[in-house]
N, C-alpha and C. Protein backbone atom coordinates (compact mmCIF):
# COMPACT_ATOMS: atom_id res chain seq x y z
N MET A 1 0.85 -1.17 0.00
CA MET A 1 0.00 0.00 0.00
C MET A 1 0.89 1.24 0.00
N ARG A 2 0.57 2.17 -0.88
CA ARG A 2 1.31 3.42 -0.94
C ARG A 2 0.77 4.38 0.11
N TRP A 3 1.66 5.06 0.81
CA TRP A 3 1.27 5.99 1.86
C TRP A 3 1.18 7.38 1.27
N THR A 4 -0.03 7.80 0.96
CA THR A 4 -0.29 9.12 0.40
C THR A 4 -0.99 9.97 1.47
N PRO A 5 -1.12 11.26 1.23
CA PRO A 5 -1.88 12.09 2.17
C PRO A 5 -3.31 11.58 2.38
N ARG A 6 -3.88 11.00 1.35
CA ARG A 6 -5.24 10.46 1.48
C ARG A 6 -5.27 9.28 2.46
N THR A 7 -4.21 8.48 2.47
CA THR A 7 -4.13 7.37 3.41
C THR A 7 -4.08 7.87 4.84
N TYR A 8 -3.29 8.91 5.08
CA TYR A 8 -3.20 9.48 6.43
C TYR A 8 -4.53 10.09 6.86
N LEU A 9 -5.24 10.71 5.93
CA LEU A 9 -6.56 11.26 6.24
C LEU A 9 -7.52 10.14 6.63
N ARG A 10 -7.47 9.04 5.93
CA ARG A 10 -8.35 7.90 6.26
C ARG A 10 -7.99 7.29 7.60
N LEU A 11 -6.71 7.21 7.91
CA LEU A 11 -6.30 6.73 9.23
C LEU A 11 -6.76 7.67 10.34
N PHE A 12 -6.68 8.97 10.07
CA PHE A 12 -7.15 9.96 11.03
C PHE A 12 -8.66 9.82 11.25
N LEU A 13 -9.41 9.63 10.17
CA LEU A 13 -10.85 9.44 10.29
C LEU A 13 -11.17 8.19 11.09
N LEU A 14 -10.46 7.12 10.82
CA LEU A 14 -10.71 5.86 11.53
C LEU A 14 -10.37 6.00 13.01
N GLY A 15 -9.19 6.49 13.34
CA GLY A 15 -8.78 6.63 14.73
C GLY A 15 -9.60 7.66 15.49
N GLY A 16 -9.79 8.82 14.88
CA GLY A 16 -10.58 9.87 15.53
C GLY A 16 -12.04 9.47 15.67
N GLY A 17 -12.55 8.76 14.68
CA GLY A 17 -13.93 8.29 14.76
C GLY A 17 -14.13 7.30 15.88
N LEU A 18 -13.16 6.41 16.05
CA LEU A 18 -13.26 5.45 17.15
C LEU A 18 -13.21 6.14 18.51
N LEU A 19 -12.33 7.14 18.63
CA LEU A 19 -12.25 7.89 19.89
C LEU A 19 -13.54 8.66 20.15
N LEU A 20 -14.08 9.29 19.12
CA LEU A 20 -15.32 10.05 19.29
C LEU A 20 -16.49 9.12 19.59
N LEU A 21 -16.51 7.98 18.94
CA LEU A 21 -17.56 6.99 19.19
C LEU A 21 -17.51 6.51 20.64
N GLY A 22 -16.33 6.17 21.12
CA GLY A 22 -16.18 5.73 22.50
C GLY A 22 -16.54 6.81 23.49
N SER A 23 -16.11 8.04 23.22
CA SER A 23 -16.43 9.15 24.09
C SER A 23 -17.94 9.39 24.13
N GLY A 24 -18.57 9.32 22.99
CA GLY A 24 -20.01 9.52 22.93
C GLY A 24 -20.78 8.43 23.65
N LEU A 25 -20.30 7.20 23.53
CA LEU A 25 -20.97 6.10 24.24
C LEU A 25 -20.84 6.25 25.75
N LEU A 26 -19.66 6.66 26.21
CA LEU A 26 -19.45 6.84 27.64
C LEU A 26 -20.25 8.02 28.20
N ALA A 27 -20.36 9.08 27.41
CA ALA A 27 -21.07 10.27 27.88
C ALA A 27 -22.56 10.20 27.60
N GLY A 28 -22.96 9.30 26.73
CA GLY A 28 -24.37 9.20 26.38
C GLY A 28 -24.81 10.29 25.42
N ASP A 29 -23.89 10.83 24.64
CA ASP A 29 -24.20 11.90 23.69
C ASP A 29 -24.45 11.30 22.31
N PHE A 30 -25.69 11.39 21.85
CA PHE A 30 -26.08 10.76 20.59
C PHE A 30 -25.36 11.37 19.40
N LEU A 31 -25.15 12.69 19.40
CA LEU A 31 -24.48 13.34 18.28
C LEU A 31 -23.03 12.87 18.14
N GLU A 32 -22.33 12.73 19.25
CA GLU A 32 -20.95 12.23 19.21
C GLU A 32 -20.91 10.80 18.70
N VAL A 33 -21.85 9.99 19.13
CA VAL A 33 -21.92 8.60 18.65
C VAL A 33 -22.15 8.57 17.15
N LEU A 34 -23.07 9.40 16.68
CA LEU A 34 -23.40 9.45 15.26
C LEU A 34 -22.21 9.93 14.43
N LEU A 35 -21.56 11.00 14.86
CA LEU A 35 -20.39 11.51 14.14
C LEU A 35 -19.23 10.52 14.19
N GLY A 36 -19.01 9.91 15.34
CA GLY A 36 -17.94 8.93 15.46
C GLY A 36 -18.17 7.71 14.58
N ALA A 37 -19.40 7.25 14.53
CA ALA A 37 -19.72 6.10 13.68
C ALA A 37 -19.54 6.44 12.21
N ALA A 38 -19.95 7.64 11.82
CA ALA A 38 -19.79 8.06 10.42
C ALA A 38 -18.32 8.18 10.04
N ALA A 39 -17.52 8.80 10.90
CA ALA A 39 -16.09 8.96 10.61
C ALA A 39 -15.39 7.61 10.58
N THR A 40 -15.74 6.72 11.50
CA THR A 40 -15.15 5.39 11.52
C THR A 40 -15.50 4.62 10.25
N ALA A 41 -16.74 4.70 9.85
CA ALA A 41 -17.18 4.01 8.63
C ALA A 41 -16.45 4.56 7.40
N LEU A 42 -16.37 5.88 7.28
CA LEU A 42 -15.69 6.48 6.13
C LEU A 42 -14.21 6.10 6.08
N GLY A 43 -13.55 6.20 7.22
CA GLY A 43 -12.13 5.84 7.26
C GLY A 43 -11.89 4.37 7.00
N GLY A 44 -12.69 3.51 7.60
CA GLY A 44 -12.51 2.08 7.41
C GLY A 44 -12.81 1.63 5.99
N ILE A 45 -13.89 2.13 5.43
CA ILE A 45 -14.25 1.77 4.06
C ILE A 45 -13.20 2.29 3.08
N GLY A 46 -12.74 3.53 3.32
CA GLY A 46 -11.71 4.09 2.45
C GLY A 46 -10.41 3.32 2.50
N LEU A 47 -9.97 2.93 3.70
CA LEU A 47 -8.74 2.14 3.81
C LEU A 47 -8.89 0.77 3.19
N ALA A 48 -10.05 0.14 3.38
CA ALA A 48 -10.28 -1.17 2.79
C ALA A 48 -10.28 -1.10 1.26
N ALA A 49 -10.90 -0.06 0.72
CA ALA A 49 -10.91 0.10 -0.74
C ALA A 49 -9.51 0.37 -1.28
N GLU A 50 -8.75 1.18 -0.56
CA GLU A 50 -7.38 1.46 -0.99
C GLU A 50 -6.50 0.21 -0.92
N TRP A 51 -6.66 -0.54 0.14
CA TRP A 51 -5.89 -1.77 0.31
C TRP A 51 -6.25 -2.77 -0.78
N ARG A 52 -7.53 -2.89 -1.08
CA ARG A 52 -7.98 -3.82 -2.10
C ARG A 52 -7.49 -3.41 -3.49
N ALA A 53 -7.52 -2.12 -3.78
CA ALA A 53 -7.08 -1.63 -5.09
C ALA A 53 -5.58 -1.82 -5.29
N ASP A 54 -4.82 -1.65 -4.23
CA ASP A 54 -3.36 -1.81 -4.34
C ASP A 54 -2.93 -3.27 -4.38
N SER A 55 -3.76 -4.19 -3.96
CA SER A 55 -3.38 -5.60 -3.96
C SER A 55 -3.52 -6.23 -5.35
N ASP A 56 -4.23 -5.55 -6.23
CA ASP A 56 -4.41 -6.09 -7.60
C ASP A 56 -3.20 -5.91 -8.46
């Protein structure tokens, strides 16, 4: 996998989304849970697509 700025952005989305999701679950804040889940999904799907495309 090539490490481009887009890869780092996806890692940031995945890591930050997980932290926000966990924080929202602990605090009981629905908006944080929603934003964290969305960021985690975007980062994870993006990294999976990039990994899959580079393996071909």
